[in-house]
Every structure is written in structure tokens, then in C-alpha cells.
Amino acid sequence: MAVVLAGMAALLAVGLSEMLDRSIRSTEQLRLSPDTVPVGLLPRLWRREARNLTRLVRSDPGHPFSNALRAMLVMIQSQSRAAVPLSMLVCPGGREGDATMTSAALALGLNGLGRRVLVVDCHPATAAPDVGQEWGMLRDGGTMLRLVRLEDRPDPAAAPLAERIRTLLDHGSYSDSVVIFDAPSPLASGVTLQLAVMTARTVLVCSWGRTARQLARLSADRLIAASDARILMALADVNLRRHARSGSRDAPLAAQLILGRARTSRINPFA
């Protein structure tokens, strides 16, 4: 009897915890309004894997992260009139590190498919890890993948922010490069809102089990108001094993990724 009562108490505790949890734990919860569109999830990586993200994406196509990344690229393309958007803003609804990782992953995924990519780090110099150093990317990887920084507080003689952004976008257009802006939270940065106005697509990244739904909703609403466009929503740092047991609508996808049998593993997003 004691064992049965203990089991019931444990189940009750788990259920109560789920009821009180106000964080985002599924892609379905990313549908915050008619103007937010979920584009997929990215699994949690071990620290060593994250530090060698370039090698993982390029050399291990069967890894759950690589499969999920391909699916996300397909979804982004489908929301952009079946074409790769020429520019993307990637910003956090929660932890900035997860959005920066997503920026790096998208850049590497596109680069691996033969697209030139220019990644622009829009964080203040001391506020966030360097995109390249944090995720195992080179500062200048050659003509196919380049990394630059957009200084948010330049000297007074520098050109206005909008003009500097336009210069980067023009450079991307001339060099046939996809320009990805890795930016801070829209709740804390005017630079991010300016980018939302000027880029083709905005991806708001929420952290699994960490980003509060209310915070994500506020961030999405601000981006929608600035850009007057739909916002693409991504879920990062997903614990696949726990998510596969969650009972959410996308739990079977997590189970497929664990088994390495995600249907997207054989899809070329740009075929």
C-alpha cells in the first residue's frame, strides 16, 4: 500500500509541476498568435558537440541535430515563397546563447548546401559570446562563409544604423550571399527592431523549458509591430528524451530524431 501511495504521490507531483510550468515545451506552444509560425526545433547538444558545431553539421548528417536543422530549413523556405530568404534576423525570446547557436546552425546548414552566407554579429562587444568562437566557426571561413560584427555604438562620425544595415544587405545581394543577423532580444535592443523592419524574415528563438510563454509573446508582439509581418518561431535546446515522453503533438518527432529515422534526413531543402 505504501508503494502504491508513493507512486500516486509522484504522479500527482509531476502533473502539478506540468500544470504550473509556464515555459514553452513544444512547437505547438509557439503558435502565440495568427502571425507566429513554428518552423521546428533543435535538440540540445553536449558541450563538446556545441563547441564543434561546424564539424557536426558538415560531417554527421545522421545526427539528430543535423536532421532537425534540415527540417527547419525546409520550413523557413516554405514560409518564404519556396525560396531561401536573402536576409534573416535571428533573435532570442529567451536565452541569447540559444539564438546565437541557432544563427550559427542556420549559417552552417545553408553553407553546407552550397549557399554563400554572411553572418553579422549584432551583440554589444561584451554582452554575448562571439558567434564564431562560441560555436566552432572561423572568423573568416573564406568566400562561402564570412563573419562580421555590426557595432551598435560606433563613433559619432560613422554612418547611421539603417545605412550600415543597408550596406550589409547590399553586399549580400551583390555577392549572392544570405545575410543572417544574430541580434539581442527585441525587448532590450532598438537595433533588433530596426533589423526586423529591414530583413526579409525574422526568426524568434525560444529555449525549451526556459523561455516563459509571456516573455515569448511580448517579444513576438514587438517584432510583429515593428515589421508588420509574420514571425517564424524556433524552439532550441530541446531535451529529446524528455520531450518524446511529454505527450505533446510533436513528441513523435522527438522520438524519430532519437532513433535517427526523421523523414527529413533524406530531403534536400533546395532541390
Protein backbone atom coordinates (compact mmCIF):
# COMPACT_ATOMS: atom_id res chain seq x y z
CA MET A 1 0.00 0.00 0.00
CA ALA A 2 2.82 2.39 0.86
CA VAL A 3 4.41 1.78 -2.53
CA VAL A 4 1.13 2.48 -4.32
CA LEU A 5 0.59 5.70 -2.38
CA ALA A 6 4.16 6.78 -3.08
CA GLY A 7 3.64 6.15 -6.79
CA MET A 8 0.38 8.11 -6.83
CA ALA A 9 2.04 10.98 -4.98
CA ALA A 10 4.87 11.03 -7.50
CA LEU A 11 2.43 11.12 -10.42
CA LEU A 12 0.47 13.89 -8.74
CA ALA A 13 3.65 15.89 -8.21
CA VAL A 14 4.64 15.51 -11.86
CA GLY A 15 1.16 16.53 -13.03
CA LEU A 16 1.12 19.55 -10.73
CA SER A 17 4.55 20.56 -11.94
CA GLU A 18 3.39 20.42 -15.56
CA MET A 19 0.32 22.50 -14.73
CA LEU A 20 2.41 25.17 -13.03
CA ASP A 21 5.05 25.21 -15.76
CA ARG A 22 4.59 28.38 -17.82
CA SER A 23 7.58 27.81 -20.09
CA ILE A 24 7.45 26.75 -23.75
CA ARG A 25 7.96 23.00 -24.16
CA SER A 26 6.58 22.21 -27.63
CA THR A 27 6.45 23.75 -31.07
CA GLU A 28 2.65 23.88 -30.78
CA GLN A 29 3.06 26.38 -27.92
CA LEU A 30 4.97 28.64 -30.33
CA ARG A 31 1.65 29.47 -32.01
CA LEU A 32 1.23 32.57 -29.89
CA SER A 33 -0.93 34.41 -32.44
CA PRO A 34 -2.02 34.11 -36.08
CA ASP A 35 1.20 35.95 -37.01
CA THR A 36 3.61 33.48 -35.39
CA VAL A 37 4.60 30.39 -37.39
CA PRO A 38 6.56 27.49 -35.82
CA VAL A 39 9.41 26.29 -38.05
CA GLY A 40 10.74 23.45 -35.91
CA LEU A 41 13.05 22.52 -33.06
CA LEU A 42 16.76 21.98 -32.49
CA PRO A 43 17.92 19.33 -29.98
CA ARG A 44 20.14 20.04 -27.01
CA LEU A 45 23.83 19.39 -27.67
CA TRP A 46 26.55 18.22 -25.35
CA ARG A 47 29.09 20.97 -24.69
CA ARG A 48 31.73 19.19 -26.77
CA GLU A 49 29.29 18.87 -29.68
CA ALA A 50 28.35 22.53 -29.42
CA ARG A 51 32.00 23.58 -29.44
CA ASN A 52 32.46 21.62 -32.68
CA LEU A 53 29.20 22.60 -34.37
CA THR A 54 30.86 23.06 -37.75
CA ARG A 55 32.20 19.51 -37.76
CA LEU A 56 28.88 18.07 -36.53
CA VAL A 57 26.73 19.75 -39.19
CA ARG A 58 29.15 19.07 -42.04
CA SER A 59 30.37 15.59 -41.13
CA ASP A 60 27.48 13.88 -39.34
CA PRO A 61 24.29 14.22 -41.45
CA GLY A 62 22.61 11.43 -39.47
CA HIS A 63 22.89 13.22 -36.13
CA PRO A 64 19.51 14.27 -34.66
CA PHE A 65 20.66 17.90 -34.69
CA SER A 66 21.54 17.74 -38.39
CA ASN A 67 18.19 16.12 -39.22
CA ALA A 68 16.26 18.73 -37.23
CA LEU A 69 18.25 21.54 -38.86
CA ARG A 70 17.37 20.30 -42.35
CA ALA A 71 13.70 20.21 -41.39
CA MET A 72 13.91 23.77 -40.06
CA LEU A 73 15.49 24.98 -43.31
CA VAL A 74 12.66 23.35 -45.27
CA MET A 75 10.08 25.13 -43.13
CA ILE A 76 11.80 28.50 -43.45
CA GLN A 77 11.88 28.05 -47.20
CA SER A 78 8.19 27.11 -47.27
CA GLN A 79 7.32 30.33 -45.46
CA SER A 80 9.35 32.39 -47.94
CA ARG A 81 7.52 31.59 -51.19
CA ALA A 82 9.56 28.41 -51.71
CA ALA A 83 12.81 30.39 -51.86
CA VAL A 84 15.68 30.95 -49.48
CA PRO A 85 15.20 34.38 -47.84
CA LEU A 86 18.05 36.70 -48.79
CA SER A 87 18.26 38.02 -45.24
CA MET A 88 17.21 36.77 -41.82
CA LEU A 89 17.10 38.27 -38.35
CA VAL A 90 17.62 35.68 -35.60
CA CYS A 91 16.93 36.88 -32.06
CA PRO A 92 16.04 35.35 -28.69
CA GLY A 93 12.71 35.11 -26.96
CA GLY A 94 14.70 33.74 -24.03
CA ARG A 95 18.38 32.90 -23.63
CA GLU A 96 20.65 34.74 -26.08
CA GLY A 97 23.07 31.82 -26.31
CA ASP A 98 20.42 29.56 -27.85
CA ALA A 99 19.59 32.16 -30.51
CA THR A 100 23.29 32.58 -31.34
CA MET A 101 23.62 28.82 -31.67
CA THR A 102 20.60 28.81 -33.99
CA SER A 103 22.16 31.56 -36.12
CA ALA A 104 25.37 29.56 -36.43
CA ALA A 105 23.47 26.35 -37.24
CA LEU A 106 21.38 28.02 -39.96
CA ALA A 107 24.51 29.54 -41.47
CA LEU A 108 26.34 26.22 -41.50
CA GLY A 109 23.28 24.40 -42.86
CA LEU A 110 22.89 26.83 -45.75
CA ASN A 111 26.62 26.88 -46.38
CA GLY A 112 26.69 23.09 -46.50
CA LEU A 113 24.06 23.23 -49.25
CA GLY A 114 26.26 25.46 -51.38
CA ARG A 115 24.93 28.88 -50.36
CA ARG A 116 27.22 31.77 -49.55
CA VAL A 117 26.43 33.12 -46.08
CA LEU A 118 27.34 36.34 -44.29
CA VAL A 119 26.74 36.22 -40.51
CA VAL A 120 26.52 39.59 -38.78
CA ASP A 121 27.05 39.64 -35.01
CA CYS A 122 24.85 42.46 -33.68
CA HIS A 123 25.52 41.99 -29.97
CA PRO A 124 27.48 44.59 -27.99
CA ALA A 125 31.11 43.51 -27.85
CA THR A 126 30.94 42.41 -24.18
CA ALA A 127 27.34 41.21 -23.99
CA ALA A 128 27.40 37.84 -25.76
CA PRO A 129 29.91 35.22 -26.87
CA ASP A 130 31.45 35.72 -30.28
CA VAL A 131 29.40 33.78 -32.83
CA GLY A 132 32.44 32.13 -34.35
CA GLN A 133 34.41 31.37 -31.21
CA GLU A 134 31.43 30.06 -29.25
CA TRP A 135 30.23 27.62 -31.90
CA GLY A 136 33.45 26.46 -33.50
CA MET A 137 33.25 28.71 -36.58
CA LEU A 138 36.17 30.62 -38.05
CA ARG A 139 36.14 34.40 -38.07
CA ASP A 140 36.73 34.34 -41.84
CA GLY A 141 35.95 30.98 -43.36
CA GLY A 142 36.61 32.14 -46.92
CA THR A 143 34.23 33.30 -49.61
CA MET A 144 31.43 30.85 -48.73
CA LEU A 145 31.02 31.71 -45.04
CA ARG A 146 32.05 35.02 -43.52
CA LEU A 147 31.51 36.59 -40.09
CA VAL A 148 31.47 40.31 -39.33
CA ARG A 149 30.32 42.48 -36.45
CA LEU A 150 27.77 45.30 -36.52
CA GLU A 151 28.84 47.80 -33.89
CA ASP A 152 25.74 49.18 -32.17
CA ARG A 153 27.64 52.18 -30.72
CA PRO A 154 30.04 53.41 -33.38
CA ASP A 155 31.95 56.66 -33.26
CA PRO A 156 29.94 59.83 -34.00
CA ALA A 157 31.41 60.08 -37.48
CA ALA A 158 30.07 56.68 -38.53
CA ALA A 159 27.07 56.27 -40.80
CA PRO A 160 23.57 55.93 -39.27
CA LEU A 161 22.45 52.45 -38.22
CA ALA A 162 19.95 51.99 -41.06
CA GLU A 163 22.59 52.94 -43.60
CA ARG A 164 25.10 50.45 -42.19
CA ILE A 165 22.48 47.70 -42.27
CA ARG A 166 21.61 48.58 -45.85
CA THR A 167 25.28 48.40 -46.81
CA LEU A 168 25.49 44.85 -45.42
CA LEU A 169 22.29 43.84 -47.20
CA ASP A 170 23.58 45.30 -50.47
CA HIS A 171 26.86 43.44 -50.02
CA GLY A 172 24.93 40.22 -49.54
CA SER A 173 22.92 40.89 -52.69
CA TYR A 174 26.00 41.69 -54.78
CA SER A 175 27.87 38.61 -53.57
CA ASP A 176 24.80 36.32 -53.79
CA SER A 177 25.02 35.67 -50.04
CA VAL A 178 22.30 35.01 -47.48
CA VAL A 179 22.78 37.56 -44.69
CA ILE A 180 21.98 36.34 -41.16
CA PHE A 181 21.86 38.93 -38.38
CA ASP A 182 22.42 37.45 -34.91
CA ALA A 183 20.81 40.04 -32.62
CA PRO A 184 19.82 40.63 -28.97
CA SER A 185 16.30 40.38 -27.55
CA PRO A 186 13.73 42.69 -29.19
CA LEU A 187 12.69 43.72 -25.68
CA ALA A 188 16.12 45.18 -24.98
CA SER A 189 17.52 46.41 -28.29
CA GLY A 190 16.46 49.05 -30.77
CA VAL A 191 18.95 47.54 -33.22
CA THR A 192 16.88 44.35 -33.32
CA LEU A 193 13.69 46.26 -34.09
CA GLN A 194 15.44 48.18 -36.87
CA LEU A 195 16.63 44.89 -38.32
CA ALA A 196 13.09 43.47 -38.15
CA VAL A 197 11.98 46.30 -40.42
CA MET A 198 14.76 45.77 -42.97
CA THR A 199 15.26 41.99 -43.22
CA ALA A 200 13.22 39.53 -45.27
CA ARG A 201 12.46 37.11 -42.40
CA THR A 202 12.63 37.15 -38.61
CA VAL A 203 13.24 34.01 -36.55
CA LEU A 204 12.45 34.28 -32.83
CA VAL A 205 14.21 31.54 -30.87
CA CYS A 206 12.71 30.21 -27.63
CA SER A 207 14.55 27.91 -25.23
CA TRP A 208 12.84 24.63 -24.34
CA GLY A 209 11.68 24.64 -20.72
CA ARG A 210 13.28 28.04 -20.07
CA THR A 211 11.52 30.72 -22.08
CA ALA A 212 8.31 31.87 -20.38
CA ARG A 213 5.30 31.96 -22.68
CA GLN A 214 4.50 35.52 -21.66
CA LEU A 215 8.04 36.66 -22.47
CA ALA A 216 7.89 34.95 -25.87
CA ARG A 217 4.51 36.56 -26.58
CA LEU A 218 5.80 40.03 -25.68
CA SER A 219 8.87 39.55 -27.88
CA ALA A 220 6.79 38.29 -30.82
CA ASP A 221 4.26 41.12 -30.49
CA ARG A 222 7.03 43.70 -30.56
CA LEU A 223 8.61 42.20 -33.66
CA ILE A 224 5.25 41.93 -35.42
CA ALA A 225 4.50 45.57 -34.65
CA ALA A 226 7.90 46.66 -35.99
CA SER A 227 7.94 44.55 -39.15
CA ASP A 228 4.21 44.18 -39.91
CA ALA A 229 4.98 40.60 -40.97
CA ARG A 230 4.71 37.06 -39.70
CA ILE A 231 7.37 35.92 -37.26
CA LEU A 232 8.98 32.49 -37.61
CA MET A 233 9.31 30.70 -34.26
CA ALA A 234 12.01 28.14 -33.42
CA LEU A 235 12.45 26.00 -30.31
CA ALA A 236 16.06 25.37 -29.27
CA ASP A 237 17.92 23.32 -26.67
CA VAL A 238 15.23 20.60 -26.64
CA ASN A 239 15.80 17.60 -24.38
CA LEU A 240 14.69 14.97 -26.89
CA ARG A 241 14.23 12.09 -24.46
CA ARG A 242 12.04 14.08 -22.10
CA HIS A 243 10.18 15.68 -24.98
CA ALA A 244 9.48 12.29 -26.58
CA ARG A 245 7.68 11.26 -23.36
CA SER A 246 5.80 14.53 -22.95
CA GLY A 247 2.62 13.60 -24.82
CA SER A 248 2.72 16.81 -26.87
CA ARG A 249 1.74 16.73 -30.54
CA ASP A 250 5.35 16.90 -31.72
CA ALA A 251 6.60 14.25 -29.28
CA PRO A 252 6.71 11.59 -32.06
CA LEU A 253 9.15 13.81 -33.97
CA ALA A 254 11.48 13.84 -30.98
CA ALA A 255 11.26 10.05 -30.83
CA GLN A 256 12.09 9.81 -34.54
CA LEU A 257 15.09 12.10 -34.13
CA ILE A 258 16.41 9.95 -31.29
CA LEU A 259 16.17 6.87 -33.49
CA GLY A 260 17.77 8.68 -36.40
CA ARG A 261 14.80 7.99 -38.66
CA ALA A 262 13.43 11.50 -39.16
CA ARG A 263 11.87 11.66 -42.59
CA THR A 264 13.67 14.93 -43.32
CA SER A 265 17.04 13.17 -43.27
CA ARG A 266 16.67 12.39 -46.98
CA ILE A 267 15.35 15.77 -48.04
CA ASN A 268 17.44 18.39 -49.80
CA PRO A 269 15.69 21.68 -48.92
CA PHE A 270 16.86 23.36 -52.12
CA ALA A 271 16.41 20.52 -54.60
